[in-house]
């Protein structure tokens, strides 16, 4: 691979925690990837941003988005440093409940071709929330990119999409 890939692998391995954790889909796991420190440090954000760009740089798309919360800094960093002609969006887990009551924040337009970013995916249920929201406003998901794939059903659930990931969980059992 390369210098950035190896560096990111080391960072992710350090962020791989052992214990008893509840995952977003309600299941339990004896390990967990807390990627917030990765996305909230300029040095590590540069490394993961580089790897994301390598994975999606050749795709044709209009907008780059994610589900709130963790990948938002990554989304902003990529848009501000690399794509001057792309727009960003964030899908809320639940509607705002006040003001405009939006489910999708940012600049997503009907007909957009989109790439969806995810930090860690297990079953793919969180990504499906984004896909359903994006497709409901008549946009097309051209690719999905996860930093870590836990391989707990997401490959099957996302089988109709171009689903990519930087690392499998097994790659990070340092």
C-alpha atoms as a PDB file:
ATOM      1  CA  UNK A   1       0.000   0.000   0.000  1.00  0.00           C
ATOM      2  CA  UNK A   2       1.732   3.176   1.119  1.00  0.00           C
ATOM      3  CA  UNK A   3       2.990   5.388   3.895  1.00  0.00           C
ATOM      4  CA  UNK A   4      -0.412   6.920   4.683  1.00  0.00           C
ATOM      5  CA  UNK A   5      -2.160   3.537   4.580  1.00  0.00           C
ATOM      6  CA  UNK A   6       0.319   2.004   7.009  1.00  0.00           C
ATOM      7  CA  UNK A   7       0.135   5.035   9.296  1.00  0.00           C
ATOM      8  CA  UNK A   8      -3.685   4.914   9.309  1.00  0.00           C
ATOM      9  CA  UNK A   9      -3.609   1.197  10.064  1.00  0.00           C
ATOM     10  CA  UNK A  10      -1.420   1.894  13.097  1.00  0.00           C
ATOM     11  CA  UNK A  11      -3.747   4.665  14.294  1.00  0.00           C
ATOM     12  CA  UNK A  12      -6.819   2.468  13.913  1.00  0.00           C
ATOM     13  CA  UNK A  13      -5.124  -0.407  15.696  1.00  0.00           C
ATOM     14  CA  UNK A  14      -4.452   1.915  18.648  1.00  0.00           C
ATOM     15  CA  UNK A  15      -8.119   3.000  18.678  1.00  0.00           C
ATOM     16  CA  UNK A  16      -9.352  -0.612  18.699  1.00  0.00           C
ATOM     17  CA  UNK A  17     -10.618  -1.116  22.261  1.00  0.00           C
ATOM     18  CA  UNK A  18     -11.417  -4.367  24.035  1.00  0.00           C
ATOM     19  CA  UNK A  19     -14.289  -4.794  26.508  1.00  0.00           C
ATOM     20  CA  UNK A  20     -18.058  -5.148  26.455  1.00  0.00           C
ATOM     21  CA  UNK A  21     -19.734  -2.616  24.147  1.00  0.00           C
ATOM     22  CA  UNK A  22     -23.207  -1.971  22.804  1.00  0.00           C
ATOM     23  CA  UNK A  23     -23.184  -1.130  19.097  1.00  0.00           C
ATOM     24  CA  UNK A  24     -25.521   1.308  17.327  1.00  0.00           C
ATOM     25  CA  UNK A  25     -27.641  -1.549  15.934  1.00  0.00           C
ATOM     26  CA  UNK A  26     -28.318  -2.761  19.484  1.00  0.00           C
ATOM     27  CA  UNK A  27     -26.016  -5.772  19.383  1.00  0.00           C
ATOM     28  CA  UNK A  28     -23.059  -6.327  21.670  1.00  0.00           C
ATOM     29  CA  UNK A  29     -19.381  -6.736  20.840  1.00  0.00           C
ATOM     30  CA  UNK A  30     -16.211  -7.491  22.745  1.00  0.00           C
ATOM     31  CA  UNK A  31     -14.374  -4.778  20.855  1.00  0.00           C
ATOM     32  CA  UNK A  32     -15.038  -1.236  19.629  1.00  0.00           C
ATOM     33  CA  UNK A  33     -13.486   1.323  17.296  1.00  0.00           C
ATOM     34  CA  UNK A  34     -13.818   4.854  18.705  1.00  0.00           C
ATOM     35  CA  UNK A  35     -12.739   6.950  15.732  1.00  0.00           C
ATOM     36  CA  UNK A  36     -13.630  10.362  17.194  1.00  0.00           C
ATOM     37  CA  UNK A  37      -9.976  11.047  18.157  1.00  0.00           C
ATOM     38  CA  UNK A  38      -8.965  10.245  14.580  1.00  0.00           C
ATOM     39  CA  UNK A  39     -11.415  12.775  13.131  1.00  0.00           C
ATOM     40  CA  UNK A  40     -10.708  15.487  15.717  1.00  0.00           C
ATOM     41  CA  UNK A  41      -6.941  15.786  15.265  1.00  0.00           C
ATOM     42  CA  UNK A  42      -5.510  17.680  12.297  1.00  0.00           C
ATOM     43  CA  UNK A  43      -2.599  15.256  11.828  1.00  0.00           C
ATOM     44  CA  UNK A  44      -4.667  12.097  11.800  1.00  0.00           C
ATOM     45  CA  UNK A  45      -7.458  13.799   9.838  1.00  0.00           C
ATOM     46  CA  UNK A  46      -4.907  14.524   7.106  1.00  0.00           C
ATOM     47  CA  UNK A  47      -3.913  10.834   7.002  1.00  0.00           C
ATOM     48  CA  UNK A  48      -7.458   9.443   6.876  1.00  0.00           C
ATOM     49  CA  UNK A  49      -8.479  12.175   4.418  1.00  0.00           C
ATOM     50  CA  UNK A  50      -5.674  11.141   2.088  1.00  0.00           C
ATOM     51  CA  UNK A  51      -6.778   7.501   2.180  1.00  0.00           C
ATOM     52  CA  UNK A  52     -10.420   8.426   1.574  1.00  0.00           C
ATOM     53  CA  UNK A  53      -9.367  10.510  -1.426  1.00  0.00           C
ATOM     54  CA  UNK A  54      -7.393   7.584  -2.824  1.00  0.00           C
ATOM     55  CA  UNK A  55     -10.504   5.406  -2.491  1.00  0.00           C
ATOM     56  CA  UNK A  56     -13.032   7.816  -4.049  1.00  0.00           C
ATOM     57  CA  UNK A  57     -10.936  10.252  -6.086  1.00  0.00           C
ATOM     58  CA  UNK A  58     -11.782   8.681  -9.441  1.00  0.00           C
ATOM     59  CA  UNK A  59     -15.554   8.619  -8.836  1.00  0.00           C
ATOM     60  CA  UNK A  60     -17.888  11.079 -10.518  1.00  0.00           C
ATOM     61  CA  UNK A  61     -20.189  12.631  -7.940  1.00  0.00           C
ATOM     62  CA  UNK A  62     -21.806  15.910  -6.920  1.00  0.00           C
ATOM     63  CA  UNK A  63     -22.112  15.621  -3.150  1.00  0.00           C
ATOM     64  CA  UNK A  64     -20.325  13.916  -0.286  1.00  0.00           C
ATOM     65  CA  UNK A  65     -22.248  13.114   2.873  1.00  0.00           C
ATOM     66  CA  UNK A  66     -22.523  11.122   6.059  1.00  0.00           C
ATOM     67  CA  UNK A  67     -24.742  10.296   8.997  1.00  0.00           C
ATOM     68  CA  UNK A  68     -24.196  12.523  12.000  1.00  0.00           C
ATOM     69  CA  UNK A  69     -21.838  12.708  14.043  1.00  0.00           C
ATOM     70  CA  UNK A  70     -18.378  11.177  13.876  1.00  0.00           C
ATOM     71  CA  UNK A  71     -17.472  11.548  10.159  1.00  0.00           C
ATOM     72  CA  UNK A  72     -18.520  15.228   9.956  1.00  0.00           C
ATOM     73  CA  UNK A  73     -14.986  16.628  10.497  1.00  0.00           C
ATOM     74  CA  UNK A  74     -13.672  14.219   7.839  1.00  0.00           C
ATOM     75  CA  UNK A  75     -16.366  15.373   5.432  1.00  0.00           C
ATOM     76  CA  UNK A  76     -15.456  19.018   5.996  1.00  0.00           C
ATOM     77  CA  UNK A  77     -11.726  18.415   5.698  1.00  0.00           C
ATOM     78  CA  UNK A  78     -12.074  16.569   2.411  1.00  0.00           C
ATOM     79  CA  UNK A  79     -14.407  19.150   0.893  1.00  0.00           C
ATOM     80  CA  UNK A  80     -12.273  22.112   1.964  1.00  0.00           C
ATOM     81  CA  UNK A  81      -8.937  20.721   0.836  1.00  0.00           C
ATOM     82  CA  UNK A  82      -9.702  18.739  -2.264  1.00  0.00           C
ATOM     83  CA  UNK A  83     -13.017  19.333  -3.968  1.00  0.00           C
ATOM     84  CA  UNK A  84     -13.857  22.894  -4.870  1.00  0.00           C
ATOM     85  CA  UNK A  85     -16.827  21.845  -6.985  1.00  0.00           C
ATOM     86  CA  UNK A  86     -18.436  19.348  -4.590  1.00  0.00           C
ATOM     87  CA  UNK A  87     -21.060  19.936  -1.934  1.00  0.00           C
ATOM     88  CA  UNK A  88     -21.577  18.313   1.435  1.00  0.00           C
ATOM     89  CA  UNK A  89     -24.536  17.060   3.433  1.00  0.00           C
ATOM     90  CA  UNK A  90     -25.255  15.373   6.742  1.00  0.00           C
ATOM     91  CA  UNK A  91     -28.237  13.132   7.466  1.00  0.00           C
ATOM     92  CA  UNK A  92     -29.582  13.500  10.986  1.00  0.00           C
ATOM     93  CA  UNK A  93     -30.431  10.390  12.972  1.00  0.00           C
ATOM     94  CA  UNK A  94     -33.789  12.002  13.757  1.00  0.00           C
ATOM     95  CA  UNK A  95     -35.430  15.131  12.409  1.00  0.00           C
ATOM     96  CA  UNK A  96     -34.372  18.316  14.123  1.00  0.00           C
ATOM     97  CA  UNK A  97     -37.799  18.850  15.699  1.00  0.00           C
ATOM     98  CA  UNK A  98     -37.737  22.636  15.465  1.00  0.00           C
ATOM     99  CA  UNK A  99     -37.011  25.366  12.930  1.00  0.00           C
ATOM    100  CA  UNK A 100     -37.029  23.821   9.480  1.00  0.00           C
ATOM    101  CA  UNK A 101     -37.297  20.280  10.930  1.00  0.00           C
ATOM    102  CA  UNK A 102     -34.779  19.016   8.360  1.00  0.00           C
ATOM    103  CA  UNK A 103     -33.568  15.451   8.147  1.00  0.00           C
ATOM    104  CA  UNK A 104     -30.791  16.398   5.704  1.00  0.00           C
ATOM    105  CA  UNK A 105     -28.557  19.383   6.456  1.00  0.00           C
ATOM    106  CA  UNK A 106     -26.255  20.984   3.911  1.00  0.00           C
ATOM    107  CA  UNK A 107     -26.440  21.294   0.159  1.00  0.00           C
ATOM    108  CA  UNK A 108     -27.987  18.175  -1.355  1.00  0.00           C
ATOM    109  CA  UNK A 109     -29.961  18.733  -4.541  1.00  0.00           C
ATOM    110  CA  UNK A 110     -32.429  16.489  -6.317  1.00  0.00           C
ATOM    111  CA  UNK A 111     -30.588  14.478  -8.963  1.00  0.00           C
ATOM    112  CA  UNK A 112     -27.208  14.624  -7.199  1.00  0.00           C
ATOM    113  CA  UNK A 113     -24.854  11.684  -7.465  1.00  0.00           C
ATOM    114  CA  UNK A 114     -23.580  11.045  -3.930  1.00  0.00           C
ATOM    115  CA  UNK A 115     -20.796   9.337  -2.053  1.00  0.00           C
ATOM    116  CA  UNK A 116     -21.631   8.350   1.528  1.00  0.00           C
ATOM    117  CA  UNK A 117     -18.912   8.209   4.194  1.00  0.00           C
ATOM    118  CA  UNK A 118     -19.095   6.075   7.337  1.00  0.00           C
ATOM    119  CA  UNK A 119     -16.585   5.645  10.135  1.00  0.00           C
ATOM    120  CA  UNK A 120     -17.308   2.050  11.205  1.00  0.00           C
ATOM    121  CA  UNK A 121     -19.992  -0.219   9.820  1.00  0.00           C
ATOM    122  CA  UNK A 122     -21.208  -3.504  11.241  1.00  0.00           C
ATOM    123  CA  UNK A 123     -24.608  -4.489   9.882  1.00  0.00           C
ATOM    124  CA  UNK A 124     -24.969  -1.527   7.501  1.00  0.00           C
ATOM    125  CA  UNK A 125     -28.182  -0.286   9.149  1.00  0.00           C
ATOM    126  CA  UNK A 126     -26.789   3.214   9.803  1.00  0.00           C
ATOM    127  CA  UNK A 127     -25.665   3.550   6.203  1.00  0.00           C
ATOM    128  CA  UNK A 128     -29.113   2.452   5.040  1.00  0.00           C
ATOM    129  CA  UNK A 129     -30.618   5.416   6.936  1.00  0.00           C
ATOM    130  CA  UNK A 130     -28.474   7.727   4.829  1.00  0.00           C
ATOM    131  CA  UNK A 131     -29.247   5.857   1.611  1.00  0.00           C
ATOM    132  CA  UNK A 132     -33.014   5.971   2.233  1.00  0.00           C
ATOM    133  CA  UNK A 133     -32.885   9.707   3.021  1.00  0.00           C
ATOM    134  CA  UNK A 134     -30.770  10.485  -0.056  1.00  0.00           C
ATOM    135  CA  UNK A 135     -32.888   8.375  -2.391  1.00  0.00           C
ATOM    136  CA  UNK A 136     -36.089   9.917  -0.967  1.00  0.00           C
ATOM    137  CA  UNK A 137     -35.001  13.289  -2.382  1.00  0.00           C
ATOM    138  CA  UNK A 138     -34.281  11.652  -5.767  1.00  0.00           C
ATOM    139  CA  UNK A 139     -30.508  11.426  -5.489  1.00  0.00           C
ATOM    140  CA  UNK A 140     -28.318   8.499  -6.479  1.00  0.00           C
ATOM    141  CA  UNK A 141     -25.786   6.845  -4.189  1.00  0.00           C
ATOM    142  CA  UNK A 142     -22.813   6.086  -6.446  1.00  0.00           C
ATOM    143  CA  UNK A 143     -20.578   4.739  -3.692  1.00  0.00           C
ATOM    144  CA  UNK A 144     -20.314   4.109   0.036  1.00  0.00           C
ATOM    145  CA  UNK A 145     -16.990   4.226   1.848  1.00  0.00           C
ATOM    146  CA  UNK A 146     -16.412   3.023   5.397  1.00  0.00           C
ATOM    147  CA  UNK A 147     -13.121   3.472   7.199  1.00  0.00           C
ATOM    148  CA  UNK A 148     -13.606   0.149   9.058  1.00  0.00           C
ATOM    149  CA  UNK A 149     -15.833  -2.758   8.019  1.00  0.00           C
ATOM    150  CA  UNK A 150     -16.687  -5.015  10.965  1.00  0.00           C
ATOM    151  CA  UNK A 151     -18.163  -7.517   8.482  1.00  0.00           C
ATOM    152  CA  UNK A 152     -21.328  -8.287  10.446  1.00  0.00           C
ATOM    153  CA  UNK A 153     -23.798  -8.209   7.556  1.00  0.00           C
ATOM    154  CA  UNK A 154     -23.032  -4.896   5.876  1.00  0.00           C
ATOM    155  CA  UNK A 155     -21.536  -6.509   2.766  1.00  0.00           C
ATOM    156  CA  UNK A 156     -24.772  -8.399   2.138  1.00  0.00           C
ATOM    157  CA  UNK A 157     -27.090  -5.493   3.004  1.00  0.00           C
ATOM    158  CA  UNK A 158     -25.150  -3.085   0.799  1.00  0.00           C
ATOM    159  CA  UNK A 159     -24.632  -5.602  -2.002  1.00  0.00           C
ATOM    160  CA  UNK A 160     -26.630  -3.542  -4.516  1.00  0.00           C
ATOM    161  CA  UNK A 161     -24.276  -0.570  -4.050  1.00  0.00           C
ATOM    162  CA  UNK A 162     -20.612   0.142  -4.704  1.00  0.00           C
ATOM    163  CA  UNK A 163     -19.509  -0.509  -1.112  1.00  0.00           C
ATOM    164  CA  UNK A 164     -15.864   0.147  -0.319  1.00  0.00           C
ATOM    165  CA  UNK A 165     -13.855   0.191   2.895  1.00  0.00           C
ATOM    166  CA  UNK A 166     -10.321   1.030   3.901  1.00  0.00           C
ATOM    167  CA  UNK A 167      -9.855  -1.791   6.418  1.00  0.00           C
ATOM    168  CA  UNK A 168     -11.578  -4.951   7.595  1.00  0.00           C
ATOM    169  CA  UNK A 169     -11.778  -5.385  11.350  1.00  0.00           C
ATOM    170  CA  UNK A 170      -9.488  -8.407  11.074  1.00  0.00           C
ATOM    171  CA  UNK A 171      -6.774  -6.191   9.550  1.00  0.00           C
ATOM    172  CA  UNK A 172      -6.678  -4.192  12.780  1.00  0.00           C
ATOM    173  CA  UNK A 173      -6.365  -6.865  15.454  1.00  0.00           C
ATOM    174  CA  UNK A 174      -2.948  -5.562  16.493  1.00  0.00           C
END
